[in-house]
Amino acid sequence: LEVVGHPLFLAEPVAWQPPSGRVDALLAGSAAAFRWGGEGLAGLTGLPVYAVGDATAEAARAAGFTVARTGEGGLQ
């Protein structure tokens, strides 16, 4: 039996605009937010990040963000 793998989807950045008005912080539920956030994310690096877990916090730091707090794997 020959096994052939195929991805079910492809992640890629999409065009978006940061919200207008006051934003105090970012609540990040996935490291993918920083990998695929695109250009709109670059303008938010001055905001603190509340990361869901260690991998998300590491991705935030690699993208130039300061992590205010790291959770233990859930958005609660």
C-alpha atoms as a PDB file:
ATOM      1  CA  LEU A   1       0.000   0.000   0.000  1.00  0.00           C
ATOM      2  CA  GLU A   2       1.537   3.296  -1.108  1.00  0.00           C
ATOM      3  CA  VAL A   3       0.853   6.273   1.156  1.00  0.00           C
ATOM      4  CA  VAL A   4       0.747   9.745  -0.388  1.00  0.00           C
ATOM      5  CA  GLY A   5       0.332  12.792   1.837  1.00  0.00           C
ATOM      6  CA  HIS A   6      -1.495  15.955   0.806  1.00  0.00           C
ATOM      7  CA  PRO A   7      -2.077  19.114   2.869  1.00  0.00           C
ATOM      8  CA  LEU A   8      -5.719  19.833   3.636  1.00  0.00           C
ATOM      9  CA  PHE A   9      -5.210  23.592   3.531  1.00  0.00           C
ATOM     10  CA  LEU A  10      -2.579  26.256   2.955  1.00  0.00           C
ATOM     11  CA  ALA A  11      -1.991  29.027   5.481  1.00  0.00           C
ATOM     12  CA  GLU A  12      -1.034  32.387   4.062  1.00  0.00           C
ATOM     13  CA  PRO A  13      -1.336  36.037   5.069  1.00  0.00           C
ATOM     14  CA  VAL A  14      -4.373  37.987   3.879  1.00  0.00           C
ATOM     15  CA  ALA A  15      -4.766  41.736   3.554  1.00  0.00           C
ATOM     16  CA  TRP A  16      -6.301  43.326   6.655  1.00  0.00           C
ATOM     17  CA  GLN A  17      -6.259  46.635   8.464  1.00  0.00           C
ATOM     18  CA  PRO A  18      -5.536  47.091  12.167  1.00  0.00           C
ATOM     19  CA  PRO A  19      -8.601  48.268  14.090  1.00  0.00           C
ATOM     20  CA  SER A  20      -9.170  51.979  14.326  1.00  0.00           C
ATOM     21  CA  GLY A  21      -9.416  53.471  17.776  1.00  0.00           C
ATOM     22  CA  ARG A  22      -7.665  52.536  20.959  1.00  0.00           C
ATOM     23  CA  VAL A  23      -6.117  49.089  21.303  1.00  0.00           C
ATOM     24  CA  ASP A  24      -4.453  48.260  24.627  1.00  0.00           C
ATOM     25  CA  ALA A  25      -2.955  44.821  23.969  1.00  0.00           C
ATOM     26  CA  LEU A  26      -3.095  41.709  21.815  1.00  0.00           C
ATOM     27  CA  LEU A  27      -4.503  38.400  23.029  1.00  0.00           C
ATOM     28  CA  ALA A  28      -2.795  35.783  20.871  1.00  0.00           C
ATOM     29  CA  GLY A  29      -4.237  32.286  20.704  1.00  0.00           C
ATOM     30  CA  SER A  30      -1.766  30.868  18.193  1.00  0.00           C
ATOM     31  CA  ALA A  31       1.802  31.339  17.029  1.00  0.00           C
ATOM     32  CA  ALA A  32       0.348  31.368  13.511  1.00  0.00           C
ATOM     33  CA  ALA A  33      -0.952  34.881  14.180  1.00  0.00           C
ATOM     34  CA  PHE A  34       2.646  36.100  14.108  1.00  0.00           C
ATOM     35  CA  ARG A  35       3.771  33.864  11.258  1.00  0.00           C
ATOM     36  CA  TRP A  36       0.888  34.873   8.997  1.00  0.00           C
ATOM     37  CA  GLY A  37      -0.174  38.284  10.347  1.00  0.00           C
ATOM     38  CA  GLY A  38       1.234  40.067   7.334  1.00  0.00           C
ATOM     39  CA  GLU A  39       2.035  43.751   7.070  1.00  0.00           C
ATOM     40  CA  GLY A  40      -0.819  44.901   9.308  1.00  0.00           C
ATOM     41  CA  LEU A  41       0.797  43.239  12.287  1.00  0.00           C
ATOM     42  CA  ALA A  42       4.008  45.260  12.009  1.00  0.00           C
ATOM     43  CA  GLY A  43       2.249  48.450  13.101  1.00  0.00           C
ATOM     44  CA  LEU A  44       1.161  46.848  16.369  1.00  0.00           C
ATOM     45  CA  THR A  45       4.560  45.863  17.769  1.00  0.00           C
ATOM     46  CA  GLY A  46       4.295  48.548  20.455  1.00  0.00           C
ATOM     47  CA  LEU A  47       1.399  46.671  22.076  1.00  0.00           C
ATOM     48  CA  PRO A  48       1.958  44.080  24.804  1.00  0.00           C
ATOM     49  CA  VAL A  49       1.016  40.500  23.933  1.00  0.00           C
ATOM     50  CA  TYR A  50      -0.849  38.087  26.174  1.00  0.00           C
ATOM     51  CA  ALA A  51       0.113  34.726  24.689  1.00  0.00           C
ATOM     52  CA  VAL A  52      -1.781  31.466  25.058  1.00  0.00           C
ATOM     53  CA  GLY A  53       1.389  29.439  25.628  1.00  0.00           C
ATOM     54  CA  ASP A  54       5.163  29.254  25.212  1.00  0.00           C
ATOM     55  CA  ALA A  55       5.197  28.668  21.434  1.00  0.00           C
ATOM     56  CA  THR A  56       2.936  31.661  20.862  1.00  0.00           C
ATOM     57  CA  ALA A  57       5.066  33.824  23.158  1.00  0.00           C
ATOM     58  CA  GLU A  58       8.234  32.810  21.306  1.00  0.00           C
ATOM     59  CA  ALA A  59       6.641  33.646  17.948  1.00  0.00           C
ATOM     60  CA  ALA A  60       5.520  37.030  19.296  1.00  0.00           C
ATOM     61  CA  ARG A  61       9.025  37.859  20.494  1.00  0.00           C
ATOM     62  CA  ALA A  62      10.527  36.746  17.173  1.00  0.00           C
ATOM     63  CA  ALA A  63       8.120  39.151  15.435  1.00  0.00           C
ATOM     64  CA  GLY A  64       9.331  42.056  17.611  1.00  0.00           C
ATOM     65  CA  PHE A  65       6.600  42.102  20.266  1.00  0.00           C
ATOM     66  CA  THR A  66       6.974  42.260  24.039  1.00  0.00           C
ATOM     67  CA  VAL A  67       5.123  39.495  25.855  1.00  0.00           C
ATOM     68  CA  ALA A  68       3.324  40.728  28.957  1.00  0.00           C
ATOM     69  CA  ARG A  69       2.172  37.316  30.109  1.00  0.00           C
ATOM     70  CA  THR A  70       2.198  33.705  28.919  1.00  0.00           C
ATOM     71  CA  GLY A  71      -0.631  31.320  29.698  1.00  0.00           C
ATOM     72  CA  GLU A  72      -0.631  27.564  29.946  1.00  0.00           C
ATOM     73  CA  GLY A  73      -2.333  26.639  26.696  1.00  0.00           C
ATOM     74  CA  GLY A  74      -5.864  28.063  26.785  1.00  0.00           C
ATOM     75  CA  LEU A  75      -7.441  31.447  26.096  1.00  0.00           C
ATOM     76  CA  GLN A  76      -9.396  31.278  29.340  1.00  0.00           C
END
